[in-house]
Amino acid sequence: MQQYWVPFWDIVRIREIEILSRRRLHHLTRGAYEVSEVLPCRLDQVVTTTVCWCGTRPILILSTADVRIDYRKFVQWFGYEVRPATSTEVSSLTSAHLQGVPPTGLPYMMPVFLDDVLLESDSLWIPAGDPSIWVRVVPTEVVKVSGAFPVSIRLAPPARDERYSYYAVSRLNTEGVLEPDPVPLSGTD
């Protein structure tokens, strides 16, 4: 059976996805942090697409750049080891640049998983098959166009610990020992 590859823009047109805005950047971006600086958006609105191997099958994970993906959840769900794909594997599976993988319209069909926290945002910026082209859509449209499964994939943040806070780390001496607090500037002697 022959599979037909339908590019991203054809799927957007066929499924009548509403594009809120489209932006072509004048240079290739080096990641979501740079995209959030160039586009008028916050970092949690920029969707990153991560291609992973789940056993011998590739999967696509949609999340934001500030999220650490909990791969152990996929191991629990599917029973296979999960690892991020190399840049060469991403290029061969998606026919897209590493930073411009769209959530749909790929030559190889793979299941898509969406971080459920993305659905709480008012709009999202997604790559459109090229690292210099980004479109802003409503989160429900991302699910509609990609057929993504909304799941909780975030790694739980570590417990708040004074030893690892920014202020505490700045007070470490050369031996890694926490220095005592400096004298507070209260104005009283």
N, C-alpha and C. Protein backbone atom coordinates (compact mmCIF):
# COMPACT_ATOMS: atom_id res chain seq x y z
N MET A 1 0.84 -1.17 0.00
CA MET A 1 0.00 0.00 0.00
C MET A 1 0.89 1.25 0.00
N GLN A 2 0.63 2.14 -0.91
CA GLN A 2 1.43 3.35 -1.03
C GLN A 2 0.87 4.43 -0.11
N GLN A 3 1.76 5.10 0.64
CA GLN A 3 1.35 6.20 1.50
C GLN A 3 1.60 7.50 0.76
N TYR A 4 0.65 8.41 0.86
CA TYR A 4 0.80 9.70 0.21
C TYR A 4 1.21 10.74 1.23
N TRP A 5 2.20 11.51 0.87
CA TRP A 5 2.70 12.55 1.75
C TRP A 5 1.99 13.86 1.42
N VAL A 6 1.28 14.39 2.40
CA VAL A 6 0.57 15.64 2.22
C VAL A 6 1.27 16.69 3.08
N PRO A 7 1.86 17.71 2.46
CA PRO A 7 2.58 18.72 3.23
C PRO A 7 1.68 19.48 4.19
N PHE A 8 2.32 20.15 5.13
CA PHE A 8 1.65 20.87 6.21
C PHE A 8 0.57 21.83 5.69
N TRP A 9 0.91 22.66 4.72
CA TRP A 9 -0.03 23.69 4.27
C TRP A 9 -1.25 23.08 3.60
N ASP A 10 -1.10 21.94 2.91
CA ASP A 10 -2.26 21.28 2.32
C ASP A 10 -3.20 20.77 3.39
N ILE A 11 -2.67 20.23 4.46
CA ILE A 11 -3.51 19.73 5.55
C ILE A 11 -4.25 20.89 6.22
N VAL A 12 -3.56 22.01 6.41
CA VAL A 12 -4.20 23.19 7.00
C VAL A 12 -5.37 23.64 6.13
N ARG A 13 -5.17 23.65 4.81
CA ARG A 13 -6.22 24.09 3.89
C ARG A 13 -7.38 23.08 3.85
N ILE A 14 -7.06 21.79 3.76
CA ILE A 14 -8.09 20.75 3.65
C ILE A 14 -8.95 20.70 4.92
N ARG A 15 -8.33 20.76 6.08
CA ARG A 15 -9.07 20.67 7.34
C ARG A 15 -9.61 22.01 7.82
N GLU A 16 -9.41 23.06 7.02
CA GLU A 16 -9.92 24.40 7.32
C GLU A 16 -9.49 24.89 8.69
N ILE A 17 -8.20 24.82 8.93
CA ILE A 17 -7.62 25.28 10.18
C ILE A 17 -7.49 26.80 10.13
N GLU A 18 -7.95 27.46 11.17
CA GLU A 18 -7.88 28.91 11.23
C GLU A 18 -6.49 29.34 11.71
N ILE A 19 -5.80 30.06 10.85
CA ILE A 19 -4.48 30.60 11.18
C ILE A 19 -4.69 32.02 11.69
N LEU A 20 -4.31 32.28 12.94
CA LEU A 20 -4.47 33.61 13.52
C LEU A 20 -3.47 34.60 12.93
N SER A 21 -2.25 34.16 12.74
CA SER A 21 -1.24 34.97 12.06
C SER A 21 -0.12 34.06 11.58
N ARG A 22 0.61 34.58 10.60
CA ARG A 22 1.71 33.83 10.00
C ARG A 22 2.90 34.77 9.94
N ARG A 23 4.05 34.26 10.27
CA ARG A 23 5.23 35.12 10.32
C ARG A 23 6.40 34.40 9.67
N ARG A 24 7.02 35.07 8.73
CA ARG A 24 8.24 34.53 8.12
C ARG A 24 9.41 35.34 8.68
N LEU A 25 10.30 34.66 9.36
CA LEU A 25 11.46 35.32 9.93
C LEU A 25 12.52 35.48 8.84
N HIS A 26 13.34 36.49 8.95
CA HIS A 26 14.33 36.77 7.91
C HIS A 26 15.62 35.99 8.08
N HIS A 27 15.64 35.11 9.06
CA HIS A 27 16.82 34.28 9.28
C HIS A 27 16.37 32.99 9.96
N LEU A 28 17.21 31.99 9.88
CA LEU A 28 16.90 30.74 10.56
C LEU A 28 17.08 30.93 12.06
N THR A 29 16.14 30.43 12.81
CA THR A 29 16.24 30.55 14.26
C THR A 29 17.01 29.37 14.81
N ARG A 30 17.59 29.57 15.98
CA ARG A 30 18.36 28.51 16.62
C ARG A 30 17.59 27.86 17.75
N GLY A 31 16.30 28.03 17.78
CA GLY A 31 15.51 27.39 18.81
C GLY A 31 14.37 28.27 19.30
N ALA A 32 13.60 27.71 20.22
CA ALA A 32 12.40 28.37 20.71
C ALA A 32 12.71 29.66 21.46
N TYR A 33 13.84 29.72 22.14
CA TYR A 33 14.18 30.93 22.88
C TYR A 33 14.34 32.12 21.93
N GLU A 34 15.03 31.89 20.83
CA GLU A 34 15.21 32.96 19.86
C GLU A 34 13.89 33.30 19.17
N VAL A 35 13.07 32.29 18.90
CA VAL A 35 11.76 32.54 18.29
C VAL A 35 10.90 33.41 19.20
N SER A 36 10.90 33.12 20.51
CA SER A 36 10.09 33.90 21.43
C SER A 36 10.58 35.34 21.53
N GLU A 37 11.85 35.58 21.26
CA GLU A 37 12.35 36.96 21.26
C GLU A 37 11.96 37.69 19.98
N VAL A 38 11.95 36.99 18.85
CA VAL A 38 11.64 37.62 17.57
C VAL A 38 10.14 37.80 17.38
N LEU A 39 9.36 36.78 17.73
CA LEU A 39 7.90 36.88 17.60
C LEU A 39 7.34 37.60 18.82
N PRO A 40 6.20 38.19 18.68
CA PRO A 40 5.58 38.84 19.85
C PRO A 40 4.88 37.81 20.74
N CYS A 41 5.65 37.02 21.47
CA CYS A 41 5.02 35.98 22.28
C CYS A 41 5.90 35.62 23.47
N ARG A 42 5.31 34.85 24.38
CA ARG A 42 6.04 34.32 25.52
C ARG A 42 6.63 32.96 25.15
N LEU A 43 7.61 32.53 25.92
CA LEU A 43 8.26 31.25 25.64
C LEU A 43 7.27 30.09 25.76
N ASP A 44 6.31 30.18 26.67
CA ASP A 44 5.36 29.07 26.84
C ASP A 44 4.31 29.01 25.73
N GLN A 45 4.38 29.92 24.75
CA GLN A 45 3.49 29.87 23.60
C GLN A 45 4.18 29.28 22.37
N VAL A 46 5.48 29.04 22.44
CA VAL A 46 6.23 28.50 21.31
C VAL A 46 6.28 26.98 21.45
N VAL A 47 5.74 26.29 20.48
CA VAL A 47 5.68 24.83 20.51
C VAL A 47 6.95 24.25 19.89
N THR A 48 7.57 23.34 20.60
CA THR A 48 8.71 22.61 20.06
C THR A 48 8.25 21.19 19.74
N THR A 49 8.74 20.67 18.64
CA THR A 49 8.39 19.31 18.25
C THR A 49 9.62 18.44 18.46
N THR A 50 9.45 17.38 19.22
CA THR A 50 10.54 16.47 19.53
C THR A 50 10.22 15.10 18.95
N VAL A 51 11.08 14.61 18.08
CA VAL A 51 10.92 13.26 17.52
C VAL A 51 11.69 12.32 18.42
N CYS A 52 11.03 11.26 18.86
CA CYS A 52 11.66 10.27 19.73
C CYS A 52 11.44 8.87 19.17
N TRP A 53 12.26 7.97 19.62
CA TRP A 53 12.08 6.55 19.31
C TRP A 53 11.48 5.88 20.53
N CYS A 54 10.37 5.21 20.33
CA CYS A 54 9.71 4.41 21.37
C CYS A 54 9.86 2.96 20.91
N GLY A 55 10.92 2.32 21.38
CA GLY A 55 11.26 1.01 20.84
C GLY A 55 11.80 1.20 19.43
N THR A 56 11.11 0.63 18.44
CA THR A 56 11.51 0.81 17.05
C THR A 56 10.57 1.72 16.28
N ARG A 57 9.64 2.35 16.98
CA ARG A 57 8.65 3.22 16.32
C ARG A 57 8.88 4.68 16.71
N PRO A 58 8.90 5.58 15.73
CA PRO A 58 9.07 6.99 16.07
C PRO A 58 7.75 7.60 16.56
N ILE A 59 7.87 8.54 17.48
CA ILE A 59 6.72 9.30 17.97
C ILE A 59 7.09 10.77 17.95
N LEU A 60 6.07 11.64 17.93
CA LEU A 60 6.29 13.08 17.91
C LEU A 60 5.67 13.66 19.18
N ILE A 61 6.45 14.47 19.89
CA ILE A 61 5.98 15.07 21.14
C ILE A 61 5.97 16.59 20.97
N LEU A 62 4.82 17.20 21.25
CA LEU A 62 4.66 18.65 21.17
C LEU A 62 4.64 19.21 22.58
N SER A 63 5.56 20.12 22.86
CA SER A 63 5.63 20.75 24.18
C SER A 63 6.26 22.12 24.00
N THR A 64 6.55 22.78 25.10
CA THR A 64 7.25 24.06 25.02
C THR A 64 8.71 23.85 25.40
N ALA A 65 9.53 24.83 25.09
CA ALA A 65 10.97 24.68 25.32
C ALA A 65 11.34 24.67 26.79
N ASP A 66 10.52 25.26 27.62
CA ASP A 66 10.85 25.32 29.05
C ASP A 66 10.40 24.08 29.81
N VAL A 67 9.91 23.07 29.10
CA VAL A 67 9.41 21.84 29.72
C VAL A 67 10.42 20.72 29.57
N ARG A 68 10.64 20.00 30.65
CA ARG A 68 11.43 18.78 30.58
C ARG A 68 10.45 17.62 30.44
N ILE A 69 10.61 16.85 29.39
CA ILE A 69 9.70 15.74 29.10
C ILE A 69 10.06 14.56 29.98
N ASP A 70 9.03 13.95 30.58
CA ASP A 70 9.22 12.78 31.42
C ASP A 70 9.10 11.53 30.55
N TYR A 71 10.22 11.04 30.04
CA TYR A 71 10.22 9.88 29.15
C TYR A 71 9.80 8.60 29.88
N ARG A 72 9.90 8.60 31.20
CA ARG A 72 9.50 7.41 31.97
C ARG A 72 8.00 7.13 31.80
N LYS A 73 7.20 8.18 31.58
CA LYS A 73 5.77 7.96 31.38
C LYS A 73 5.51 7.16 30.11
N PHE A 74 6.27 7.44 29.05
CA PHE A 74 6.10 6.69 27.82
C PHE A 74 6.54 5.24 28.00
N VAL A 75 7.58 5.03 28.80
CA VAL A 75 8.02 3.67 29.10
C VAL A 75 6.92 2.93 29.84
N GLN A 76 6.26 3.60 30.79
CA GLN A 76 5.16 2.98 31.53
C GLN A 76 3.99 2.67 30.61
N TRP A 77 3.66 3.58 29.70
CA TRP A 77 2.50 3.40 28.83
C TRP A 77 2.73 2.33 27.77
N PHE A 78 3.93 2.31 27.16
CA PHE A 78 4.16 1.44 26.02
C PHE A 78 5.08 0.27 26.30
N GLY A 79 5.87 0.34 27.38
CA GLY A 79 6.75 -0.75 27.72
C GLY A 79 8.04 -0.80 26.94
N TYR A 80 8.36 0.25 26.23
CA TYR A 80 9.60 0.32 25.46
C TYR A 80 10.44 1.48 25.95
N GLU A 81 11.74 1.35 25.77
CA GLU A 81 12.64 2.45 26.08
C GLU A 81 12.39 3.59 25.09
N VAL A 82 12.50 4.82 25.57
CA VAL A 82 12.27 5.99 24.74
C VAL A 82 13.54 6.84 24.74
N ARG A 83 13.92 7.30 23.56
CA ARG A 83 15.07 8.18 23.44
C ARG A 83 14.81 9.21 22.35
N PRO A 84 15.33 10.42 22.52
CA PRO A 84 15.19 11.42 21.45
C PRO A 84 15.96 10.98 20.20
N ALA A 85 15.41 11.31 19.05
CA ALA A 85 16.05 10.98 17.79
C ALA A 85 17.22 11.93 17.54
N THR A 86 18.21 11.46 16.82
CA THR A 86 19.34 12.31 16.45
C THR A 86 18.89 13.27 15.34
N SER A 87 19.68 14.29 15.06
CA SER A 87 19.31 15.25 14.03
C SER A 87 19.21 14.58 12.66
N THR A 88 20.05 13.61 12.38
CA THR A 88 19.98 12.88 11.12
C THR A 88 18.69 12.08 11.03
N GLU A 89 18.31 11.42 12.12
CA GLU A 89 17.06 10.65 12.14
C GLU A 89 15.85 11.57 11.97
N VAL A 90 15.89 12.74 12.62
CA VAL A 90 14.78 13.70 12.49
C VAL A 90 14.64 14.14 11.04
N SER A 91 15.75 14.46 10.40
CA SER A 91 15.72 14.89 9.00
C SER A 91 15.18 13.81 8.08
N SER A 92 15.61 12.57 8.29
CA SER A 92 15.16 11.49 7.42
C SER A 92 13.70 11.12 7.66
N LEU A 93 13.21 11.23 8.90
CA LEU A 93 11.82 10.88 9.20
C LEU A 93 10.83 11.99 8.83
N THR A 94 11.26 13.24 8.91
CA THR A 94 10.33 14.35 8.73
C THR A 94 10.55 15.16 7.46
N SER A 95 11.70 15.00 6.83
CA SER A 95 12.08 15.82 5.67
C SER A 95 12.03 17.30 6.00
N ALA A 96 12.29 17.64 7.25
CA ALA A 96 12.28 19.03 7.70
C ALA A 96 13.53 19.31 8.51
N HIS A 97 13.86 20.57 8.61
CA HIS A 97 14.98 21.00 9.43
C HIS A 97 14.65 20.72 10.89
N LEU A 98 15.65 20.45 11.69
CA LEU A 98 15.48 20.09 13.09
C LEU A 98 14.60 21.09 13.86
N GLN A 99 14.78 22.40 13.61
CA GLN A 99 14.02 23.42 14.34
C GLN A 99 12.70 23.78 13.68
N GLY A 100 12.35 23.13 12.56
CA GLY A 100 11.12 23.50 11.85
C GLY A 100 10.17 22.36 11.60
N VAL A 101 10.23 21.31 12.40
CA VAL A 101 9.37 20.15 12.19
C VAL A 101 7.92 20.53 12.52
N PRO A 102 7.01 20.44 11.54
CA PRO A 102 5.61 20.77 11.81
C PRO A 102 4.92 19.63 12.56
N PRO A 103 3.79 19.91 13.20
CA PRO A 103 3.09 18.85 13.93
C PRO A 103 2.34 17.86 13.05
N THR A 104 2.25 18.13 11.76
CA THR A 104 1.55 17.25 10.83
C THR A 104 2.11 17.46 9.43
N GLY A 105 1.65 16.64 8.50
CA GLY A 105 2.12 16.77 7.12
C GLY A 105 3.49 16.18 6.90
N LEU A 106 3.85 15.20 7.70
CA LEU A 106 5.17 14.58 7.60
C LEU A 106 5.10 13.37 6.66
N PRO A 107 6.20 13.03 6.01
CA PRO A 107 6.17 11.89 5.09
C PRO A 107 6.00 10.54 5.80
N TYR A 108 6.33 10.48 7.07
CA TYR A 108 6.20 9.24 7.83
C TYR A 108 5.14 9.44 8.91
N MET A 109 4.13 8.61 8.90
CA MET A 109 3.05 8.72 9.89
C MET A 109 3.56 8.26 11.25
N MET A 110 3.38 9.09 12.27
CA MET A 110 3.78 8.72 13.62
C MET A 110 2.78 9.31 14.60
N PRO A 111 2.54 8.63 15.72
CA PRO A 111 1.62 9.18 16.72
C PRO A 111 2.16 10.47 17.31
N VAL A 112 1.24 11.41 17.58
CA VAL A 112 1.61 12.72 18.10
C VAL A 112 1.04 12.86 19.50
N PHE A 113 1.88 13.29 20.45
CA PHE A 113 1.47 13.52 21.83
C PHE A 113 1.68 14.99 22.17
N LEU A 114 0.66 15.61 22.75
CA LEU A 114 0.67 17.03 23.07
C LEU A 114 0.65 17.22 24.57
N ASP A 115 1.54 18.05 25.08
CA ASP A 115 1.53 18.38 26.50
C ASP A 115 0.19 19.05 26.82
N ASP A 116 -0.58 18.47 27.74
CA ASP A 116 -1.93 18.97 28.01
C ASP A 116 -1.95 20.39 28.55
N VAL A 117 -0.86 20.88 29.09
CA VAL A 117 -0.81 22.25 29.60
C VAL A 117 -0.91 23.25 28.44
N LEU A 118 -0.51 22.85 27.23
CA LEU A 118 -0.60 23.74 26.08
C LEU A 118 -2.04 24.12 25.76
N LEU A 119 -2.98 23.26 26.11
CA LEU A 119 -4.39 23.55 25.83
C LEU A 119 -4.93 24.71 26.65
N GLU A 120 -4.23 25.09 27.71
CA GLU A 120 -4.67 26.20 28.55
C GLU A 120 -4.27 27.56 28.00
N SER A 121 -3.40 27.58 27.01
CA SER A 121 -2.93 28.84 26.43
C SER A 121 -3.98 29.41 25.48
N ASP A 122 -3.95 30.73 25.29
CA ASP A 122 -4.91 31.35 24.38
C ASP A 122 -4.51 31.14 22.92
N SER A 123 -3.22 31.11 22.62
CA SER A 123 -2.74 30.82 21.27
C SER A 123 -1.34 30.24 21.36
N LEU A 124 -0.95 29.53 20.29
CA LEU A 124 0.37 28.89 20.23
C LEU A 124 1.02 29.21 18.89
N TRP A 125 2.33 29.33 18.91
CA TRP A 125 3.11 29.47 17.68
C TRP A 125 3.72 28.11 17.36
N ILE A 126 3.45 27.59 16.16
CA ILE A 126 3.98 26.29 15.76
C ILE A 126 4.84 26.44 14.51
N PRO A 127 5.87 25.59 14.37
CA PRO A 127 6.68 25.64 13.14
C PRO A 127 5.87 25.10 11.96
N ALA A 128 6.13 25.65 10.79
CA ALA A 128 5.35 25.27 9.61
C ALA A 128 6.21 24.55 8.57
N GLY A 129 7.14 23.72 9.01
CA GLY A 129 7.95 22.94 8.08
C GLY A 129 9.27 23.58 7.73
N ASP A 130 9.50 24.78 8.22
CA ASP A 130 10.73 25.51 7.95
C ASP A 130 11.05 26.31 9.22
N PRO A 131 12.31 26.36 9.64
CA PRO A 131 12.61 27.08 10.88
C PRO A 131 12.35 28.58 10.81
N SER A 132 12.14 29.11 9.61
CA SER A 132 11.88 30.55 9.50
C SER A 132 10.39 30.88 9.34
N ILE A 133 9.53 29.87 9.26
CA ILE A 133 8.10 30.12 9.09
C ILE A 133 7.35 29.58 10.32
N TRP A 134 6.62 30.46 10.98
CA TRP A 134 5.85 30.12 12.17
C TRP A 134 4.43 30.62 12.01
N VAL A 135 3.46 29.85 12.50
CA VAL A 135 2.06 30.26 12.45
C VAL A 135 1.48 30.24 13.86
N ARG A 136 0.55 31.16 14.11
CA ARG A 136 -0.11 31.24 15.41
C ARG A 136 -1.52 30.67 15.25
N VAL A 137 -1.83 29.69 16.09
CA VAL A 137 -3.13 29.02 16.04
C VAL A 137 -3.67 28.85 17.46
N VAL A 138 -4.94 28.52 17.53
CA VAL A 138 -5.58 28.18 18.80
C VAL A 138 -5.16 26.75 19.16
N PRO A 139 -4.92 26.44 20.43
CA PRO A 139 -4.47 25.08 20.79
C PRO A 139 -5.38 23.95 20.30
N THR A 140 -6.67 24.16 20.31
CA THR A 140 -7.57 23.10 19.83
C THR A 140 -7.36 22.82 18.34
N GLU A 141 -6.92 23.84 17.59
CA GLU A 141 -6.63 23.64 16.17
C GLU A 141 -5.39 22.78 15.98
N VAL A 142 -4.43 22.87 16.90
CA VAL A 142 -3.23 22.01 16.83
C VAL A 142 -3.64 20.55 16.99
N VAL A 143 -4.54 20.31 17.94
CA VAL A 143 -5.04 18.94 18.13
C VAL A 143 -5.80 18.47 16.90
N LYS A 144 -6.60 19.37 16.33
CA LYS A 144 -7.41 19.03 15.15
C LYS A 144 -6.53 18.72 13.93
N VAL A 145 -5.51 19.53 13.71
CA VAL A 145 -4.67 19.35 12.52
C VAL A 145 -3.71 18.18 12.66
N SER A 146 -3.26 17.88 13.87
CA SER A 146 -2.25 16.84 14.04
C SER A 146 -2.80 15.51 14.53
N GLY A 147 -4.02 15.52 15.08
CA GLY A 147 -4.56 14.30 15.66
C GLY A 147 -3.84 13.91 16.93
N ALA A 148 -3.30 14.91 17.63
CA ALA A 148 -2.48 14.67 18.82
C ALA A 148 -3.31 14.16 19.99
N PHE A 149 -2.66 13.37 20.83
CA PHE A 149 -3.25 12.90 22.07
C PHE A 149 -2.78 13.83 23.19
N PRO A 150 -3.67 14.61 23.81
CA PRO A 150 -3.25 15.46 24.94
C PRO A 150 -2.96 14.59 26.17
N VAL A 151 -1.74 14.64 26.66
CA VAL A 151 -1.31 13.85 27.81
C VAL A 151 -0.44 14.69 28.72
N SER A 152 -0.32 14.28 29.96
CA SER A 152 0.56 14.95 30.90
C SER A 152 1.95 14.35 30.77
N ILE A 153 2.88 15.12 30.19
CA ILE A 153 4.22 14.58 29.92
C ILE A 153 5.32 15.37 30.60
N ARG A 154 4.94 16.36 31.41
CA ARG A 154 5.95 17.18 32.07
C ARG A 154 6.61 16.44 33.21
N LEU A 155 7.91 16.62 33.32
CA LEU A 155 8.64 16.10 34.46
C LEU A 155 8.32 16.98 35.66
N ALA A 156 7.98 16.39 36.75
CA ALA A 156 7.62 17.16 37.94
C ALA A 156 8.82 18.00 38.37
N PRO A 157 8.57 19.26 38.74
CA PRO A 157 9.69 20.10 39.18
C PRO A 157 10.26 19.57 40.48
N PRO A 158 11.55 19.75 40.69
CA PRO A 158 12.14 19.27 41.95
C PRO A 158 11.58 20.06 43.13
N ALA A 159 11.62 19.44 44.28
CA ALA A 159 11.14 20.11 45.49
C ALA A 159 12.01 21.33 45.76
N ARG A 160 11.41 22.36 46.28
CA ARG A 160 12.14 23.60 46.58
C ARG A 160 13.11 23.31 47.72
N ASP A 161 14.37 23.58 47.46
CA ASP A 161 15.39 23.31 48.45
C ASP A 161 16.34 24.49 48.47
N GLU A 162 16.58 25.04 49.63
CA GLU A 162 17.44 26.22 49.78
C GLU A 162 18.84 25.96 49.23
N ARG A 163 19.30 24.72 49.33
CA ARG A 163 20.65 24.43 48.87
C ARG A 163 20.82 24.63 47.37
N TYR A 164 19.72 24.54 46.60
CA TYR A 164 19.82 24.63 45.15
C TYR A 164 19.18 25.89 44.58
N SER A 165 18.73 26.80 45.40
CA SER A 165 18.16 28.03 44.87
C SER A 165 19.26 28.89 44.27
N TYR A 166 18.88 29.83 43.43
CA TYR A 166 19.87 30.69 42.78
C TYR A 166 20.66 31.48 43.82
N TYR A 167 19.97 31.98 44.81
CA TYR A 167 20.64 32.76 45.84
C TYR A 167 21.65 31.90 46.60
N ALA A 168 21.26 30.66 46.91
CA ALA A 168 22.16 29.78 47.66
C ALA A 168 23.36 29.39 46.81
N VAL A 169 23.15 29.10 45.53
CA VAL A 169 24.26 28.70 44.66
C VAL A 169 25.25 29.85 44.52
N SER A 170 24.72 31.10 44.51
CA SER A 170 25.63 32.24 44.38
C SER A 170 26.47 32.42 45.65
N ARG A 171 26.09 31.78 46.75
CA ARG A 171 26.84 31.89 48.00
C ARG A 171 27.77 30.70 48.24
N LEU A 172 27.94 29.83 47.26
CA LEU A 172 28.86 28.70 47.41
C LEU A 172 30.30 29.20 47.27
N ASN A 173 31.17 28.72 48.14
CA ASN A 173 32.58 29.09 48.00
C ASN A 173 33.27 28.12 47.04
N THR A 174 34.55 28.25 46.86
CA THR A 174 35.26 27.42 45.88
C THR A 174 35.26 25.94 46.22
N GLU A 175 35.06 25.60 47.50
CA GLU A 175 34.99 24.19 47.89
C GLU A 175 33.57 23.64 47.81
N GLY A 176 32.59 24.45 47.40
CA GLY A 176 31.21 24.01 47.30
C GLY A 176 30.46 24.07 48.62
N VAL A 177 31.00 24.79 49.61
CA VAL A 177 30.36 24.92 50.91
C VAL A 177 29.56 26.22 50.92
N LEU A 178 28.35 26.15 51.46
CA LEU A 178 27.47 27.31 51.51
C LEU A 178 27.99 28.32 52.52
N GLU A 179 28.23 29.55 52.06
CA GLU A 179 28.70 30.62 52.93
C GLU A 179 27.53 31.12 53.77
N PRO A 180 27.82 31.66 54.97
CA PRO A 180 26.71 32.21 55.79
C PRO A 180 26.10 33.43 55.11
N ASP A 181 24.85 33.73 55.49
CA ASP A 181 24.16 34.89 54.94
C ASP A 181 24.95 36.16 55.23
N PRO A 182 25.00 37.09 54.27
CA PRO A 182 25.64 38.37 54.56
C PRO A 182 24.80 39.14 55.57
N VAL A 183 25.42 40.13 56.18
CA VAL A 183 24.72 40.93 57.18
C VAL A 183 23.62 41.70 56.49
N PRO A 184 22.37 41.60 56.96
CA PRO A 184 21.27 42.32 56.31
C PRO A 184 21.45 43.84 56.46
N LEU A 185 21.05 44.57 55.43
CA LEU A 185 21.13 46.02 55.45
C LEU A 185 19.83 46.60 55.99
N SER A 186 19.67 46.58 57.29
CA SER A 186 18.43 47.06 57.89
C SER A 186 18.52 48.52 58.38
N GLY A 187 19.68 49.04 58.46
CA GLY A 187 19.85 50.42 58.89
C GLY A 187 20.06 50.55 60.40
N THR A 188 19.93 49.46 61.12
CA THR A 188 20.16 49.49 62.57
C THR A 188 21.46 48.79 62.88
N ASP A 189 22.18 49.29 63.85
CA ASP A 189 23.47 48.66 64.22
C ASP A 189 23.36 47.82 65.46
